N, C-alpha and C. Protein backbone atom coordinates (compact mmCIF):
# COMPACT_ATOMS: atom_id res chain seq x y z
N MET A 1 -13.36 17.44 6.10
CA MET A 1 -12.68 16.37 5.39
C MET A 1 -13.17 16.36 3.94
N ASP A 2 -12.23 16.25 3.02
CA ASP A 2 -12.55 16.21 1.60
C ASP A 2 -13.39 14.99 1.26
N LYS A 3 -14.20 15.14 0.26
CA LYS A 3 -15.00 14.02 -0.23
C LYS A 3 -14.09 13.09 -1.02
N ILE A 4 -14.20 11.82 -0.76
CA ILE A 4 -13.42 10.81 -1.47
C ILE A 4 -14.31 10.22 -2.56
N THR A 5 -13.74 9.99 -3.72
CA THR A 5 -14.50 9.42 -4.84
C THR A 5 -14.12 7.96 -5.02
N LEU A 6 -14.89 7.27 -5.84
CA LEU A 6 -14.55 5.89 -6.17
C LEU A 6 -13.18 5.81 -6.85
N GLU A 7 -12.87 6.81 -7.65
CA GLU A 7 -11.57 6.83 -8.32
C GLU A 7 -10.43 6.92 -7.29
N ASP A 8 -10.63 7.71 -6.25
CA ASP A 8 -9.63 7.79 -5.18
C ASP A 8 -9.42 6.43 -4.54
N LEU A 9 -10.51 5.73 -4.31
CA LEU A 9 -10.41 4.40 -3.70
C LEU A 9 -9.74 3.40 -4.64
N ARG A 10 -10.05 3.51 -5.92
CA ARG A 10 -9.42 2.61 -6.90
C ARG A 10 -7.91 2.84 -6.97
N GLU A 11 -7.48 4.07 -6.75
CA GLU A 11 -6.06 4.42 -6.80
C GLU A 11 -5.30 4.02 -5.53
N TYR A 12 -6.01 3.72 -4.47
CA TYR A 12 -5.37 3.47 -3.17
C TYR A 12 -4.33 2.35 -3.26
N ARG A 13 -4.69 1.23 -3.86
CA ARG A 13 -3.74 0.11 -3.96
C ARG A 13 -2.52 0.49 -4.79
N ALA A 14 -2.75 1.23 -5.87
CA ALA A 14 -1.63 1.67 -6.70
C ALA A 14 -0.72 2.61 -5.92
N ILE A 15 -1.31 3.45 -5.09
CA ILE A 15 -0.52 4.35 -4.25
C ILE A 15 0.35 3.55 -3.28
N GLN A 16 -0.26 2.55 -2.64
CA GLN A 16 0.50 1.71 -1.71
C GLN A 16 1.69 1.04 -2.42
N GLU A 17 1.44 0.50 -3.60
CA GLU A 17 2.50 -0.18 -4.35
C GLU A 17 3.57 0.81 -4.81
N SER A 18 3.15 2.01 -5.20
CA SER A 18 4.12 3.03 -5.60
C SER A 18 5.01 3.42 -4.43
N ILE A 19 4.44 3.56 -3.25
CA ILE A 19 5.22 3.90 -2.07
C ILE A 19 6.25 2.80 -1.79
N ARG A 20 5.82 1.54 -1.86
CA ARG A 20 6.75 0.43 -1.65
C ARG A 20 7.87 0.43 -2.68
N ALA A 21 7.51 0.71 -3.94
CA ALA A 21 8.51 0.73 -5.01
C ALA A 21 9.51 1.87 -4.79
N ILE A 22 9.03 3.02 -4.38
CA ILE A 22 9.92 4.15 -4.13
C ILE A 22 10.86 3.84 -2.97
N GLU A 23 10.34 3.22 -1.91
CA GLU A 23 11.19 2.85 -0.79
C GLU A 23 12.27 1.86 -1.21
N ALA A 24 11.91 0.90 -2.07
CA ALA A 24 12.90 -0.06 -2.57
C ALA A 24 13.93 0.64 -3.46
N GLU A 25 13.48 1.60 -4.25
CA GLU A 25 14.40 2.33 -5.11
C GLU A 25 15.37 3.18 -4.29
N ILE A 26 14.86 3.81 -3.23
CA ILE A 26 15.73 4.59 -2.35
C ILE A 26 16.78 3.68 -1.73
N GLU A 27 16.36 2.53 -1.25
CA GLU A 27 17.30 1.59 -0.64
C GLU A 27 18.34 1.12 -1.66
N SER A 28 17.92 0.90 -2.89
CA SER A 28 18.86 0.41 -3.90
C SER A 28 19.88 1.46 -4.33
N LEU A 29 19.60 2.71 -4.06
CA LEU A 29 20.54 3.78 -4.44
C LEU A 29 21.90 3.60 -3.77
N TYR A 30 21.93 2.99 -2.62
CA TYR A 30 23.15 2.93 -1.83
C TYR A 30 24.01 1.70 -2.14
N TYR A 31 23.58 0.83 -3.05
CA TYR A 31 24.34 -0.39 -3.32
C TYR A 31 25.16 -0.38 -4.60
N PRO A 32 24.78 0.33 -5.65
CA PRO A 32 25.52 0.17 -6.92
C PRO A 32 26.74 1.05 -7.08
N ILE A 33 27.33 1.50 -5.99
CA ILE A 33 28.50 2.37 -6.12
C ILE A 33 29.67 1.54 -6.65
N GLY A 34 30.23 1.95 -7.78
CA GLY A 34 31.32 1.20 -8.41
C GLY A 34 32.66 1.83 -8.12
N SER A 35 33.67 1.13 -8.45
CA SER A 35 35.03 1.63 -8.27
C SER A 35 35.41 2.45 -9.49
N PRO A 36 36.42 3.33 -9.34
CA PRO A 36 36.88 4.08 -10.51
C PRO A 36 37.52 3.14 -11.51
N SER A 37 37.44 3.50 -12.77
CA SER A 37 38.01 2.63 -13.80
C SER A 37 39.53 2.71 -13.75
N LEU A 38 40.15 1.63 -14.17
CA LEU A 38 41.60 1.58 -14.22
C LEU A 38 42.08 2.17 -15.54
N ILE A 39 43.16 2.90 -15.49
CA ILE A 39 43.70 3.52 -16.70
C ILE A 39 45.10 2.94 -16.93
N SER A 40 45.32 2.45 -18.12
CA SER A 40 46.64 1.88 -18.43
C SER A 40 47.57 2.99 -18.88
N ASP A 41 48.84 2.89 -18.47
CA ASP A 41 49.81 3.89 -18.89
C ASP A 41 50.55 3.45 -20.15
N GLY A 42 50.12 2.36 -20.75
CA GLY A 42 50.72 1.88 -22.00
C GLY A 42 51.88 0.93 -21.79
N ALA A 43 52.40 0.83 -20.59
CA ALA A 43 53.54 -0.04 -20.32
C ALA A 43 53.08 -1.33 -19.64
N GLY A 44 51.80 -1.60 -19.74
CA GLY A 44 51.30 -2.82 -19.13
C GLY A 44 50.95 -2.65 -17.67
N ARG A 45 51.17 -1.45 -17.16
CA ARG A 45 50.82 -1.20 -15.77
C ARG A 45 49.51 -0.42 -15.75
N SER A 46 48.71 -0.75 -14.81
CA SER A 46 47.45 -0.02 -14.65
C SER A 46 47.51 0.77 -13.37
N SER A 47 46.92 1.89 -13.40
CA SER A 47 46.85 2.69 -12.18
C SER A 47 45.47 3.32 -12.09
N VAL A 48 45.14 3.69 -10.90
CA VAL A 48 43.86 4.34 -10.68
C VAL A 48 44.11 5.83 -10.70
N ARG A 49 43.55 6.48 -11.70
CA ARG A 49 43.68 7.92 -11.79
C ARG A 49 42.30 8.51 -12.07
N PRO A 50 41.50 8.64 -11.05
CA PRO A 50 40.18 9.20 -11.30
C PRO A 50 40.30 10.64 -11.72
N VAL A 51 39.46 11.01 -12.68
CA VAL A 51 39.45 12.38 -13.17
C VAL A 51 38.94 13.31 -12.08
N SER A 52 38.01 12.84 -11.31
CA SER A 52 37.50 13.61 -10.17
C SER A 52 37.19 12.62 -9.06
N ASP A 53 36.64 13.09 -8.00
CA ASP A 53 36.33 12.22 -6.86
C ASP A 53 35.03 11.46 -7.15
N PRO A 54 35.13 10.19 -7.55
CA PRO A 54 33.93 9.43 -7.91
C PRO A 54 33.01 9.19 -6.72
N THR A 55 33.57 9.10 -5.54
CA THR A 55 32.74 8.88 -4.36
C THR A 55 31.87 10.10 -4.09
N ALA A 56 32.45 11.26 -4.18
CA ALA A 56 31.69 12.49 -3.95
C ALA A 56 30.63 12.67 -5.02
N GLU A 57 30.99 12.38 -6.28
CA GLU A 57 30.01 12.48 -7.36
C GLU A 57 28.87 11.50 -7.15
N ALA A 58 29.19 10.26 -6.79
CA ALA A 58 28.16 9.25 -6.55
C ALA A 58 27.27 9.67 -5.38
N PHE A 59 27.88 10.21 -4.34
CA PHE A 59 27.10 10.65 -3.19
C PHE A 59 26.15 11.78 -3.57
N ARG A 60 26.63 12.75 -4.34
CA ARG A 60 25.77 13.86 -4.78
C ARG A 60 24.60 13.35 -5.63
N ARG A 61 24.89 12.41 -6.52
CA ARG A 61 23.84 11.84 -7.37
C ARG A 61 22.81 11.07 -6.53
N ILE A 62 23.32 10.28 -5.60
CA ILE A 62 22.43 9.49 -4.74
C ILE A 62 21.55 10.41 -3.91
N GLU A 63 22.13 11.42 -3.33
CA GLU A 63 21.35 12.34 -2.49
C GLU A 63 20.30 13.10 -3.30
N ALA A 64 20.64 13.49 -4.52
CA ALA A 64 19.67 14.18 -5.38
C ALA A 64 18.52 13.24 -5.74
N ASP A 65 18.86 12.00 -6.11
CA ASP A 65 17.82 11.01 -6.43
C ASP A 65 16.96 10.71 -5.21
N ARG A 66 17.60 10.56 -4.06
CA ARG A 66 16.86 10.26 -2.84
C ARG A 66 15.90 11.40 -2.49
N ALA A 67 16.35 12.63 -2.61
CA ALA A 67 15.51 13.78 -2.29
C ALA A 67 14.29 13.83 -3.23
N ARG A 68 14.52 13.57 -4.51
CA ARG A 68 13.42 13.56 -5.48
C ARG A 68 12.41 12.47 -5.14
N LEU A 69 12.91 11.29 -4.81
CA LEU A 69 12.02 10.17 -4.46
C LEU A 69 11.28 10.42 -3.15
N GLU A 70 11.94 11.05 -2.20
CA GLU A 70 11.29 11.36 -0.91
C GLU A 70 10.12 12.33 -1.11
N VAL A 71 10.28 13.29 -2.00
CA VAL A 71 9.20 14.24 -2.29
C VAL A 71 8.00 13.49 -2.87
N LYS A 72 8.25 12.61 -3.82
CA LYS A 72 7.16 11.84 -4.44
C LYS A 72 6.49 10.94 -3.41
N ARG A 73 7.30 10.29 -2.57
CA ARG A 73 6.73 9.42 -1.55
C ARG A 73 5.85 10.21 -0.59
N ALA A 74 6.27 11.41 -0.21
CA ALA A 74 5.48 12.25 0.70
C ALA A 74 4.14 12.63 0.06
N GLU A 75 4.15 12.93 -1.24
CA GLU A 75 2.90 13.25 -1.94
C GLU A 75 1.94 12.06 -1.91
N LEU A 76 2.48 10.87 -2.18
CA LEU A 76 1.65 9.66 -2.17
C LEU A 76 1.13 9.35 -0.78
N GLU A 77 1.96 9.53 0.24
CA GLU A 77 1.54 9.29 1.62
C GLU A 77 0.39 10.22 2.00
N THR A 78 0.43 11.47 1.52
CA THR A 78 -0.64 12.43 1.81
C THR A 78 -1.96 11.93 1.23
N LEU A 79 -1.93 11.43 0.00
CA LEU A 79 -3.14 10.89 -0.62
C LEU A 79 -3.66 9.68 0.15
N LYS A 80 -2.75 8.82 0.56
CA LYS A 80 -3.13 7.61 1.29
C LYS A 80 -3.77 7.98 2.64
N VAL A 81 -3.18 8.91 3.35
CA VAL A 81 -3.70 9.34 4.65
C VAL A 81 -5.08 9.97 4.49
N ARG A 82 -5.27 10.72 3.42
CA ARG A 82 -6.57 11.35 3.16
C ARG A 82 -7.67 10.29 3.04
N VAL A 83 -7.40 9.22 2.30
CA VAL A 83 -8.37 8.13 2.15
C VAL A 83 -8.57 7.43 3.49
N ASP A 84 -7.49 7.14 4.20
CA ASP A 84 -7.59 6.46 5.50
C ASP A 84 -8.44 7.25 6.49
N GLU A 85 -8.21 8.56 6.57
CA GLU A 85 -8.97 9.39 7.50
C GLU A 85 -10.45 9.43 7.13
N TRP A 86 -10.74 9.51 5.84
CA TRP A 86 -12.13 9.51 5.38
C TRP A 86 -12.81 8.20 5.76
N LEU A 87 -12.14 7.08 5.52
CA LEU A 87 -12.71 5.78 5.87
C LEU A 87 -12.98 5.66 7.37
N ASN A 88 -12.07 6.19 8.18
CA ASN A 88 -12.24 6.12 9.63
C ASN A 88 -13.43 6.93 10.12
N GLN A 89 -13.86 7.92 9.34
CA GLN A 89 -14.98 8.76 9.75
C GLN A 89 -16.33 8.27 9.25
N LEU A 90 -16.34 7.23 8.43
CA LEU A 90 -17.61 6.73 7.91
C LEU A 90 -18.47 6.17 9.05
N GLU A 91 -19.74 6.52 9.01
CA GLU A 91 -20.65 6.03 10.04
C GLU A 91 -21.32 4.72 9.65
N ASP A 92 -21.39 4.43 8.36
CA ASP A 92 -21.99 3.19 7.87
C ASP A 92 -20.94 2.08 7.90
N ASN A 93 -21.04 1.21 8.90
CA ASN A 93 -20.02 0.17 9.09
C ASN A 93 -19.99 -0.85 7.96
N HIS A 94 -21.16 -1.15 7.37
CA HIS A 94 -21.17 -2.10 6.25
C HIS A 94 -20.40 -1.53 5.06
N ILE A 95 -20.67 -0.29 4.73
CA ILE A 95 -19.97 0.34 3.61
C ILE A 95 -18.47 0.44 3.92
N ALA A 96 -18.13 0.84 5.12
CA ALA A 96 -16.72 0.94 5.50
C ALA A 96 -16.03 -0.42 5.35
N ALA A 97 -16.69 -1.48 5.79
CA ALA A 97 -16.11 -2.83 5.68
C ALA A 97 -15.95 -3.23 4.22
N ILE A 98 -16.96 -2.96 3.41
CA ILE A 98 -16.89 -3.29 1.98
C ILE A 98 -15.72 -2.55 1.33
N LEU A 99 -15.64 -1.26 1.60
CA LEU A 99 -14.57 -0.45 1.00
C LEU A 99 -13.19 -0.91 1.44
N ARG A 100 -13.07 -1.25 2.71
CA ARG A 100 -11.77 -1.73 3.20
C ARG A 100 -11.39 -3.06 2.56
N TRP A 101 -12.31 -4.03 2.56
CA TRP A 101 -11.99 -5.34 1.99
C TRP A 101 -11.67 -5.24 0.51
N HIS A 102 -12.49 -4.48 -0.22
CA HIS A 102 -12.29 -4.46 -1.68
C HIS A 102 -11.17 -3.52 -2.11
N PHE A 103 -11.22 -2.27 -1.69
CA PHE A 103 -10.28 -1.28 -2.21
C PHE A 103 -8.95 -1.23 -1.45
N ILE A 104 -9.00 -1.39 -0.15
CA ILE A 104 -7.78 -1.27 0.65
C ILE A 104 -7.01 -2.60 0.66
N LEU A 105 -7.72 -3.70 0.89
CA LEU A 105 -7.06 -4.99 0.98
C LEU A 105 -6.99 -5.75 -0.34
N GLY A 106 -7.69 -5.23 -1.37
CA GLY A 106 -7.57 -5.81 -2.71
C GLY A 106 -8.34 -7.09 -2.96
N LYS A 107 -9.36 -7.36 -2.16
CA LYS A 107 -10.17 -8.57 -2.37
C LYS A 107 -11.10 -8.36 -3.56
N SER A 108 -11.48 -9.44 -4.21
CA SER A 108 -12.46 -9.36 -5.30
C SER A 108 -13.82 -9.02 -4.69
N TRP A 109 -14.77 -8.65 -5.54
CA TRP A 109 -16.12 -8.37 -5.03
C TRP A 109 -16.72 -9.62 -4.38
N ARG A 110 -16.48 -10.77 -4.96
CA ARG A 110 -16.99 -12.03 -4.40
C ARG A 110 -16.39 -12.29 -3.02
N GLU A 111 -15.07 -12.16 -2.90
CA GLU A 111 -14.40 -12.36 -1.61
C GLU A 111 -14.86 -11.33 -0.58
N THR A 112 -15.05 -10.11 -1.03
CA THR A 112 -15.53 -9.05 -0.13
C THR A 112 -16.91 -9.39 0.41
N CYS A 113 -17.78 -9.86 -0.45
CA CYS A 113 -19.14 -10.21 -0.02
C CYS A 113 -19.12 -11.34 1.01
N VAL A 114 -18.25 -12.31 0.80
CA VAL A 114 -18.14 -13.41 1.76
C VAL A 114 -17.68 -12.87 3.11
N GLU A 115 -16.72 -11.97 3.11
CA GLU A 115 -16.20 -11.40 4.35
C GLU A 115 -17.25 -10.57 5.08
N VAL A 116 -18.03 -9.78 4.34
CA VAL A 116 -18.97 -8.85 4.96
C VAL A 116 -20.31 -9.51 5.27
N TYR A 117 -20.84 -10.28 4.30
CA TYR A 117 -22.19 -10.84 4.45
C TYR A 117 -22.22 -12.34 4.70
N GLY A 118 -21.12 -13.03 4.46
CA GLY A 118 -21.07 -14.46 4.72
C GLY A 118 -21.45 -15.33 3.54
N TYR A 119 -21.75 -14.73 2.40
CA TYR A 119 -22.05 -15.51 1.20
C TYR A 119 -21.54 -14.75 -0.02
N ALA A 120 -21.37 -15.49 -1.12
CA ALA A 120 -20.70 -14.93 -2.29
C ALA A 120 -21.68 -14.41 -3.34
N ASP A 121 -22.18 -13.21 -3.16
CA ASP A 121 -23.00 -12.55 -4.17
C ASP A 121 -22.41 -11.16 -4.39
N PRO A 122 -21.44 -11.05 -5.31
CA PRO A 122 -20.71 -9.80 -5.47
C PRO A 122 -21.57 -8.60 -5.86
N ASP A 123 -22.73 -8.86 -6.46
CA ASP A 123 -23.59 -7.75 -6.87
C ASP A 123 -24.11 -6.95 -5.67
N ILE A 124 -24.30 -7.62 -4.55
CA ILE A 124 -24.80 -6.93 -3.36
C ILE A 124 -23.80 -5.84 -2.93
N CYS A 125 -22.54 -6.19 -2.88
CA CYS A 125 -21.52 -5.22 -2.47
C CYS A 125 -21.37 -4.10 -3.49
N ARG A 126 -21.35 -4.47 -4.76
CA ARG A 126 -21.22 -3.45 -5.81
C ARG A 126 -22.38 -2.46 -5.76
N LYS A 127 -23.61 -2.98 -5.59
CA LYS A 127 -24.79 -2.13 -5.54
C LYS A 127 -24.75 -1.23 -4.31
N ALA A 128 -24.33 -1.77 -3.19
CA ALA A 128 -24.27 -0.98 -1.95
C ALA A 128 -23.28 0.18 -2.12
N VAL A 129 -22.13 -0.08 -2.73
CA VAL A 129 -21.13 0.96 -2.94
C VAL A 129 -21.65 2.01 -3.93
N ARG A 130 -22.24 1.53 -5.01
CA ARG A 130 -22.78 2.45 -6.01
C ARG A 130 -23.83 3.37 -5.38
N LYS A 131 -24.73 2.78 -4.58
CA LYS A 131 -25.79 3.57 -3.93
C LYS A 131 -25.19 4.58 -2.95
N PHE A 132 -24.17 4.16 -2.21
CA PHE A 132 -23.52 5.05 -1.24
C PHE A 132 -22.92 6.28 -1.92
N PHE A 133 -22.30 6.08 -3.09
CA PHE A 133 -21.63 7.18 -3.77
C PHE A 133 -22.56 8.04 -4.63
N GLU A 134 -23.82 7.63 -4.76
CA GLU A 134 -24.77 8.45 -5.55
C GLU A 134 -25.34 9.58 -4.77
């Protein structure tokens, strides 16, 4: 298993949010399909005369965008899984708990200390993490 750095852990929350954003963007691709524009023939009558098949063009664009976003999401998922697997293999339960509360769940150092040790002294958690990574 690859060594995980503090920077990898700091990026974990951003990776989670990026994955959520990409999923929302993929979902939104299927809603903005518009109708072809109306073309006037000059006599006050309007008719629909698409230059090409707008549905097929929209579908091709959507599928290309979706494929690009799926590739990016897969890359981010790989990074996320790498961190998750590393955390699951840690033998030091205190450090694992600190890392999960702070980096994975996004708690402040003070909140993390309360969760792990039962009192709010954020320096204890910061020092423990710093010592672990040295």
